């Protein structure tokens, strides 16, 4: 997956992933959606954002939770 709208810069928002270098973190967008905000409400309140920004932020958050655990073999 290509996350061309997600940026990480050490000096911006403490290095958190943001959308296109704006002061809008992926975390904030996920929290807004989880809090029941519609995409239209988010876009209305944050006019610098685009619909694809929200979609990609959610995809990025989902991908970042895709953790695999591997069992180690029992010693002989």
PDB file of N, CA and C in Angstrom:
ATOM      1  N   UNK A   1       0.829  -1.177   0.000  1.00  0.00           N
ATOM      2  CA  UNK A   1       0.000   0.000   0.000  1.00  0.00           C
ATOM      3  C   UNK A   1       0.873   1.240   0.000  1.00  0.00           C
ATOM      4  N   UNK A   2       0.538   2.180  -0.821  1.00  0.00           N
ATOM      5  CA  UNK A   2       1.296   3.423  -0.927  1.00  0.00           C
ATOM      6  C   UNK A   2       0.570   4.519  -0.149  1.00  0.00           C
ATOM      7  N   UNK A   3       1.211   5.047   0.869  1.00  0.00           N
ATOM      8  CA  UNK A   3       0.623   6.096   1.687  1.00  0.00           C
ATOM      9  C   UNK A   3       1.259   7.429   1.319  1.00  0.00           C
ATOM     10  N   UNK A   4       0.957   7.920   0.128  1.00  0.00           N
ATOM     11  CA  UNK A   4       1.587   9.136  -0.371  1.00  0.00           C
ATOM     12  C   UNK A   4       1.058  10.403   0.296  1.00  0.00           C
ATOM     13  N   UNK A   5      -0.014  10.312   1.047  1.00  0.00           N
ATOM     14  CA  UNK A   5      -0.565  11.475   1.745  1.00  0.00           C
ATOM     15  C   UNK A   5      -0.158  11.507   3.220  1.00  0.00           C
ATOM     16  N   UNK A   6       0.490  10.479   3.688  1.00  0.00           N
ATOM     17  CA  UNK A   6       0.886  10.402   5.096  1.00  0.00           C
ATOM     18  C   UNK A   6       2.365  10.758   5.198  1.00  0.00           C
ATOM     19  N   UNK A   7       2.674  11.710   6.058  1.00  0.00           N
ATOM     20  CA  UNK A   7       4.055  12.151   6.232  1.00  0.00           C
ATOM     21  C   UNK A   7       4.451  12.049   7.701  1.00  0.00           C
ATOM     22  N   UNK A   8       5.723  11.797   7.907  1.00  0.00           N
ATOM     23  CA  UNK A   8       6.268  11.759   9.264  1.00  0.00           C
ATOM     24  C   UNK A   8       7.508  12.632   9.267  1.00  0.00           C
ATOM     25  N   UNK A   9       7.462  13.672  10.078  1.00  0.00           N
ATOM     26  CA  UNK A   9       8.584  14.593  10.189  1.00  0.00           C
ATOM     27  C   UNK A   9       8.913  14.753  11.671  1.00  0.00           C
ATOM     28  N   UNK A  10      10.175  14.531  12.053  1.00  0.00           N
ATOM     29  CA  UNK A  10      10.547  14.594  13.471  1.00  0.00           C
ATOM     30  C   UNK A  10      10.142  15.903  14.163  1.00  0.00           C
ATOM     31  N   UNK A  11      10.173  17.019  13.475  1.00  0.00           N
ATOM     32  CA  UNK A  11       9.872  18.302  14.095  1.00  0.00           C
ATOM     33  C   UNK A  11       8.406  18.710  14.045  1.00  0.00           C
ATOM     34  N   UNK A  12       7.558  17.872  13.503  1.00  0.00           N
ATOM     35  CA  UNK A  12       6.137  18.228  13.369  1.00  0.00           C
ATOM     36  C   UNK A  12       5.282  17.280  14.199  1.00  0.00           C
ATOM     37  N   UNK A  13       4.506  17.831  15.107  1.00  0.00           N
ATOM     38  CA  UNK A  13       3.620  17.055  15.982  1.00  0.00           C
ATOM     39  C   UNK A  13       4.339  15.882  16.647  1.00  0.00           C
ATOM     40  N   UNK A  14       5.527  16.155  17.131  1.00  0.00           N
ATOM     41  CA  UNK A  14       6.335  15.165  17.857  1.00  0.00           C
ATOM     42  C   UNK A  14       6.619  13.913  17.042  1.00  0.00           C
ATOM     43  N   UNK A  15       6.681  14.064  15.736  1.00  0.00           N
ATOM     44  CA  UNK A  15       7.002  12.930  14.866  1.00  0.00           C
ATOM     45  C   UNK A  15       5.837  12.006  14.571  1.00  0.00           C
ATOM     46  N   UNK A  16       4.628  12.404  14.964  1.00  0.00           N
ATOM     47  CA  UNK A  16       3.453  11.572  14.680  1.00  0.00           C
ATOM     48  C   UNK A  16       3.136  11.624  13.182  1.00  0.00           C
ATOM     49  N   UNK A  17       2.562  10.556  12.642  1.00  0.00           N
ATOM     50  CA  UNK A  17       2.142  10.587  11.247  1.00  0.00           C
ATOM     51  C   UNK A  17       1.064  11.649  11.043  1.00  0.00           C
ATOM     52  N   UNK A  18       1.251  12.477  10.032  1.00  0.00           N
ATOM     53  CA  UNK A  18       0.303  13.539   9.722  1.00  0.00           C
ATOM     54  C   UNK A  18      -0.173  13.400   8.278  1.00  0.00           C
ATOM     55  N   UNK A  19      -1.153  14.189   7.941  1.00  0.00           N
ATOM     56  CA  UNK A  19      -1.697  14.189   6.589  1.00  0.00           C
ATOM     57  C   UNK A  19      -1.039  15.312   5.797  1.00  0.00           C
ATOM     58  N   UNK A  20      -0.321  14.945   4.755  1.00  0.00           N
ATOM     59  CA  UNK A  20       0.317  15.890   3.821  1.00  0.00           C
ATOM     60  C   UNK A  20       1.106  16.987   4.508  1.00  0.00           C
ATOM     61  N   UNK A  21       1.701  16.691   5.646  1.00  0.00           N
ATOM     62  CA  UNK A  21       2.516  17.685   6.335  1.00  0.00           C
ATOM     63  C   UNK A  21       1.706  18.755   7.043  1.00  0.00           C
ATOM     64  N   UNK A  22       0.386  18.620   7.039  1.00  0.00           N
ATOM     65  CA  UNK A  22      -0.461  19.567   7.766  1.00  0.00           C
ATOM     66  C   UNK A  22      -0.369  19.271   9.262  1.00  0.00           C
ATOM     67  N   UNK A  23      -0.903  20.153  10.057  1.00  0.00           N
ATOM     68  CA  UNK A  23      -0.921  19.911  11.504  1.00  0.00           C
ATOM     69  C   UNK A  23      -2.159  19.106  11.876  1.00  0.00           C
ATOM     70  N   UNK A  24      -2.410  18.063  11.123  1.00  0.00           N
ATOM     71  CA  UNK A  24      -3.526  17.145  11.358  1.00  0.00           C
ATOM     72  C   UNK A  24      -2.934  15.752  11.404  1.00  0.00           C
ATOM     73  N   UNK A  25      -2.974  15.144  12.587  1.00  0.00           N
ATOM     74  CA  UNK A  25      -2.392  13.808  12.731  1.00  0.00           C
ATOM     75  C   UNK A  25      -3.381  12.734  12.302  1.00  0.00           C
ATOM     76  N   UNK A  26      -2.828  11.603  11.916  1.00  0.00           N
ATOM     77  CA  UNK A  26      -3.643  10.430  11.607  1.00  0.00           C
ATOM     78  C   UNK A  26      -4.468  10.079  12.850  1.00  0.00           C
ATOM     79  N   UNK A  27      -3.845  10.161  14.004  1.00  0.00           N
ATOM     80  CA  UNK A  27      -4.534   9.854  15.264  1.00  0.00           C
ATOM     81  C   UNK A  27      -5.782  10.712  15.449  1.00  0.00           C
ATOM     82  N   UNK A  28      -5.663  12.010  15.189  1.00  0.00           N
ATOM     83  CA  UNK A  28      -6.805  12.902  15.346  1.00  0.00           C
ATOM     84  C   UNK A  28      -7.935  12.518  14.405  1.00  0.00           C
ATOM     85  N   UNK A  29      -7.611  12.218  13.170  1.00  0.00           N
ATOM     86  CA  UNK A  29      -8.646  11.817  12.216  1.00  0.00           C
ATOM     87  C   UNK A  29      -9.331  10.522  12.642  1.00  0.00           C
ATOM     88  N   UNK A  30      -8.557   9.564  13.099  1.00  0.00           N
ATOM     89  CA  UNK A  30      -9.145   8.300  13.563  1.00  0.00           C
ATOM     90  C   UNK A  30     -10.067   8.557  14.750  1.00  0.00           C
ATOM     91  N   UNK A  31      -9.642   9.412  15.669  1.00  0.00           N
ATOM     92  CA  UNK A  31     -10.470   9.722  16.835  1.00  0.00           C
ATOM     93  C   UNK A  31     -11.768  10.435  16.439  1.00  0.00           C
ATOM     94  N   UNK A  32     -11.699  11.318  15.458  1.00  0.00           N
ATOM     95  CA  UNK A  32     -12.913  11.996  14.993  1.00  0.00           C
ATOM     96  C   UNK A  32     -13.902  10.993  14.407  1.00  0.00           C
ATOM     97  N   UNK A  33     -13.405  10.109  13.557  1.00  0.00           N
ATOM     98  CA  UNK A  33     -14.279   9.093  12.950  1.00  0.00           C
ATOM     99  C   UNK A  33     -14.840   8.172  14.027  1.00  0.00           C
ATOM    100  N   UNK A  34     -13.988   7.744  14.958  1.00  0.00           N
ATOM    101  CA  UNK A  34     -14.443   6.873  16.046  1.00  0.00           C
ATOM    102  C   UNK A  34     -15.461   7.582  16.935  1.00  0.00           C
ATOM    103  N   UNK A  35     -15.358   8.896  17.022  1.00  0.00           N
ATOM    104  CA  UNK A  35     -16.279   9.681  17.828  1.00  0.00           C
ATOM    105  C   UNK A  35     -17.606   9.953  17.136  1.00  0.00           C
ATOM    106  N   UNK A  36     -17.749   9.444  15.924  1.00  0.00           N
ATOM    107  CA  UNK A  36     -19.026   9.573  15.233  1.00  0.00           C
ATOM    108  C   UNK A  36     -19.112  10.684  14.210  1.00  0.00           C
ATOM    109  N   UNK A  37     -18.010  11.395  13.987  1.00  0.00           N
ATOM    110  CA  UNK A  37     -18.033  12.446  12.976  1.00  0.00           C
ATOM    111  C   UNK A  37     -18.159  11.813  11.594  1.00  0.00           C
ATOM    112  N   UNK A  38     -18.953  12.414  10.734  1.00  0.00           N
ATOM    113  CA  UNK A  38     -19.027  11.948   9.343  1.00  0.00           C
ATOM    114  C   UNK A  38     -17.876  12.580   8.561  1.00  0.00           C
ATOM    115  N   UNK A  39     -17.590  11.996   7.420  1.00  0.00           N
ATOM    116  CA  UNK A  39     -16.540  12.570   6.579  1.00  0.00           C
ATOM    117  C   UNK A  39     -16.904  14.007   6.197  1.00  0.00           C
ATOM    118  N   UNK A  40     -18.170  14.245   5.891  1.00  0.00           N
ATOM    119  CA  UNK A  40     -18.609  15.590   5.514  1.00  0.00           C
ATOM    120  C   UNK A  40     -18.408  16.588   6.650  1.00  0.00           C
ATOM    121  N   UNK A  41     -18.663  16.172   7.887  1.00  0.00           N
ATOM    122  CA  UNK A  41     -18.446  17.060   9.035  1.00  0.00           C
ATOM    123  C   UNK A  41     -16.973  17.388   9.198  1.00  0.00           C
ATOM    124  N   UNK A  42     -16.126  16.391   9.029  1.00  0.00           N
ATOM    125  CA  UNK A  42     -14.677  16.613   9.149  1.00  0.00           C
ATOM    126  C   UNK A  42     -14.213  17.576   8.060  1.00  0.00           C
ATOM    127  N   UNK A  43     -14.634  17.337   6.842  1.00  0.00           N
ATOM    128  CA  UNK A  43     -14.219  18.187   5.722  1.00  0.00           C
ATOM    129  C   UNK A  43     -14.738  19.615   5.888  1.00  0.00           C
ATOM    130  N   UNK A  44     -15.898  19.774   6.479  1.00  0.00           N
ATOM    131  CA  UNK A  44     -16.460  21.101   6.711  1.00  0.00           C
ATOM    132  C   UNK A  44     -15.672  21.856   7.770  1.00  0.00           C
ATOM    133  N   UNK A  45     -15.299  21.161   8.851  1.00  0.00           N
ATOM    134  CA  UNK A  45     -14.561  21.806   9.944  1.00  0.00           C
ATOM    135  C   UNK A  45     -13.075  21.978   9.653  1.00  0.00           C
ATOM    136  N   UNK A  46     -12.543  21.168   8.764  1.00  0.00           N
ATOM    137  CA  UNK A  46     -11.111  21.225   8.409  1.00  0.00           C
ATOM    138  C   UNK A  46     -10.981  21.359   6.892  1.00  0.00           C
ATOM    139  N   UNK A  47     -11.181  22.577   6.365  1.00  0.00           N
ATOM    140  CA  UNK A  47     -11.237  22.779   4.915  1.00  0.00           C
ATOM    141  C   UNK A  47      -9.943  22.460   4.160  1.00  0.00           C
ATOM    142  N   UNK A  48      -8.813  22.356   4.853  1.00  0.00           N
ATOM    143  CA  UNK A  48      -7.564  21.995   4.170  1.00  0.00           C
ATOM    144  C   UNK A  48      -7.514  20.511   3.824  1.00  0.00           C
ATOM    145  N   UNK A  49      -8.382  19.710   4.442  1.00  0.00           N
ATOM    146  CA  UNK A  49      -8.392  18.271   4.183  1.00  0.00           C
ATOM    147  C   UNK A  49      -9.213  17.937   2.947  1.00  0.00           C
ATOM    148  N   UNK A  50      -8.877  16.796   2.363  1.00  0.00           N
ATOM    149  CA  UNK A  50      -9.615  16.251   1.231  1.00  0.00           C
ATOM    150  C   UNK A  50     -10.118  14.868   1.614  1.00  0.00           C
ATOM    151  N   UNK A  51     -11.154  14.420   0.932  1.00  0.00           N
ATOM    152  CA  UNK A  51     -11.746  13.126   1.235  1.00  0.00           C
ATOM    153  C   UNK A  51     -10.695  12.013   1.221  1.00  0.00           C
ATOM    154  N   UNK A  52      -9.811  12.030   0.248  1.00  0.00           N
ATOM    155  CA  UNK A  52      -8.781  10.993   0.148  1.00  0.00           C
ATOM    156  C   UNK A  52      -7.823  11.031   1.332  1.00  0.00           C
ATOM    157  N   UNK A  53      -7.632  12.202   1.943  1.00  0.00           N
ATOM    158  CA  UNK A  53      -6.801  12.302   3.155  1.00  0.00           C
ATOM    159  C   UNK A  53      -7.394  11.451   4.272  1.00  0.00           C
ATOM    160  N   UNK A  54      -8.706  11.553   4.457  1.00  0.00           N
ATOM    161  CA  UNK A  54      -9.369  10.791   5.528  1.00  0.00           C
ATOM    162  C   UNK A  54      -9.278   9.300   5.232  1.00  0.00           C
ATOM    163  N   UNK A  55      -9.571   8.926   4.012  1.00  0.00           N
ATOM    164  CA  UNK A  55      -9.524   7.508   3.647  1.00  0.00           C
ATOM    165  C   UNK A  55      -8.125   6.928   3.865  1.00  0.00           C
ATOM    166  N   UNK A  56      -7.115   7.663   3.418  1.00  0.00           N
ATOM    167  CA  UNK A  56      -5.762   7.138   3.546  1.00  0.00           C
ATOM    168  C   UNK A  56      -5.307   7.101   5.002  1.00  0.00           C
ATOM    169  N   UNK A  57      -5.737   8.060   5.805  1.00  0.00           N
ATOM    170  CA  UNK A  57      -5.397   8.048   7.228  1.00  0.00           C
ATOM    171  C   UNK A  57      -5.985   6.815   7.899  1.00  0.00           C
ATOM    172  N   UNK A  58      -7.215   6.470   7.561  1.00  0.00           N
ATOM    173  CA  UNK A  58      -7.838   5.281   8.134  1.00  0.00           C
ATOM    174  C   UNK A  58      -7.144   4.010   7.661  1.00  0.00           C
ATOM    175  N   UNK A  59      -6.773   3.957   6.386  1.00  0.00           N
ATOM    176  CA  UNK A  59      -6.047   2.793   5.873  1.00  0.00           C
ATOM    177  C   UNK A  59      -4.684   2.667   6.542  1.00  0.00           C
ATOM    178  N   UNK A  60      -4.008   3.789   6.756  1.00  0.00           N
ATOM    179  CA  UNK A  60      -2.702   3.788   7.421  1.00  0.00           C
ATOM    180  C   UNK A  60      -2.842   3.275   8.853  1.00  0.00           C
ATOM    181  N   UNK A  61      -3.849   3.754   9.556  1.00  0.00           N
ATOM    182  CA  UNK A  61      -4.071   3.306  10.934  1.00  0.00           C
ATOM    183  C   UNK A  61      -4.357   1.809  10.971  1.00  0.00           C
ATOM    184  N   UNK A  62      -5.166   1.331  10.035  1.00  0.00           N
ATOM    185  CA  UNK A  62      -5.470  -0.105   9.993  1.00  0.00           C
ATOM    186  C   UNK A  62      -4.210  -0.909   9.698  1.00  0.00           C
ATOM    187  N   UNK A  63      -3.403  -0.444   8.762  1.00  0.00           N
ATOM    188  CA  UNK A  63      -2.172  -1.157   8.411  1.00  0.00           C
ATOM    189  C   UNK A  63      -1.190  -1.169   9.585  1.00  0.00           C
ATOM    190  N   UNK A  64      -1.182  -0.103  10.369  1.00  0.00           N
ATOM    191  CA  UNK A  64      -0.231  -0.041  11.482  1.00  0.00           C
ATOM    192  C   UNK A  64      -0.613  -0.984  12.619  1.00  0.00           C
ATOM    193  N   UNK A  65      -1.831  -1.476  12.621  1.00  0.00           N
ATOM    194  CA  UNK A  65      -2.240  -2.432  13.653  1.00  0.00           C
ATOM    195  C   UNK A  65      -2.140  -3.869  13.174  1.00  0.00           C
ATOM    196  N   UNK A  66      -1.708  -4.068  11.963  1.00  0.00           N
ATOM    197  CA  UNK A  66      -1.586  -5.407  11.387  1.00  0.00           C
ATOM    198  C   UNK A  66      -0.291  -6.048  11.882  1.00  0.00           C
ATOM    199  N   UNK A  67      -0.344  -6.598  13.072  1.00  0.00           N
ATOM    200  CA  UNK A  67       0.832  -7.184  13.714  1.00  0.00           C
ATOM    201  C   UNK A  67       0.719  -8.704  13.666  1.00  0.00           C
ATOM    202  N   UNK A  68       1.803  -9.353  13.349  1.00  0.00           N
ATOM    203  CA  UNK A  68       1.824 -10.815  13.291  1.00  0.00           C
ATOM    204  C   UNK A  68       2.659 -11.355  14.456  1.00  0.00           C
ATOM    205  N   UNK A  69       2.158 -12.382  15.066  1.00  0.00           N
ATOM    206  CA  UNK A  69       2.889 -13.044  16.141  1.00  0.00           C
ATOM    207  C   UNK A  69       3.285 -14.425  15.663  1.00  0.00           C
ATOM    208  N   UNK A  70       4.507 -14.803  15.954  1.00  0.00           N
ATOM    209  CA  UNK A  70       5.011 -16.109  15.553  1.00  0.00           C
ATOM    210  C   UNK A  70       5.378 -16.895  16.800  1.00  0.00           C
ATOM    211  N   UNK A  71       4.921 -18.104  16.866  1.00  0.00           N
ATOM    212  CA  UNK A  71       5.254 -18.961  18.003  1.00  0.00           C
ATOM    213  C   UNK A  71       6.643 -19.543  17.793  1.00  0.00           C
ATOM    214  N   UNK A  72       7.397 -19.543  18.861  1.00  0.00           N
ATOM    215  CA  UNK A  72       8.703 -20.171  18.804  1.00  0.00           C
ATOM    216  C   UNK A  72       8.559 -21.660  19.072  1.00  0.00           C
ATOM    217  N   UNK A  73       9.429 -22.431  18.518  1.00  0.00           N
ATOM    218  CA  UNK A  73       9.385 -23.881  18.762  1.00  0.00           C
ATOM    219  C   UNK A  73       9.761 -24.174  20.196  1.00  0.00           C
ATOM    220  N   UNK A  74       9.121 -25.182  20.729  1.00  0.00           N
ATOM    221  CA  UNK A  74       9.473 -25.641  22.070  1.00  0.00           C
ATOM    222  C   UNK A  74      10.853 -26.270  22.014  1.00  0.00           C
ATOM    223  N   UNK A  75      11.690 -26.051  23.037  1.00  0.00           N
ATOM    224  CA  UNK A  75      13.021 -26.698  23.021  1.00  0.00           C
ATOM    225  C   UNK A  75      12.880 -28.207  23.134  1.00  0.00           C
ATOM    226  N   UNK A  76      13.800 -28.888  22.502  1.00  0.00           N
ATOM    227  CA  UNK A  76      13.758 -30.367  22.488  1.00  0.00           C
ATOM    228  C   UNK A  76      14.075 -30.955  23.845  1.00  0.00           C
TER     229      UNK A  76
END
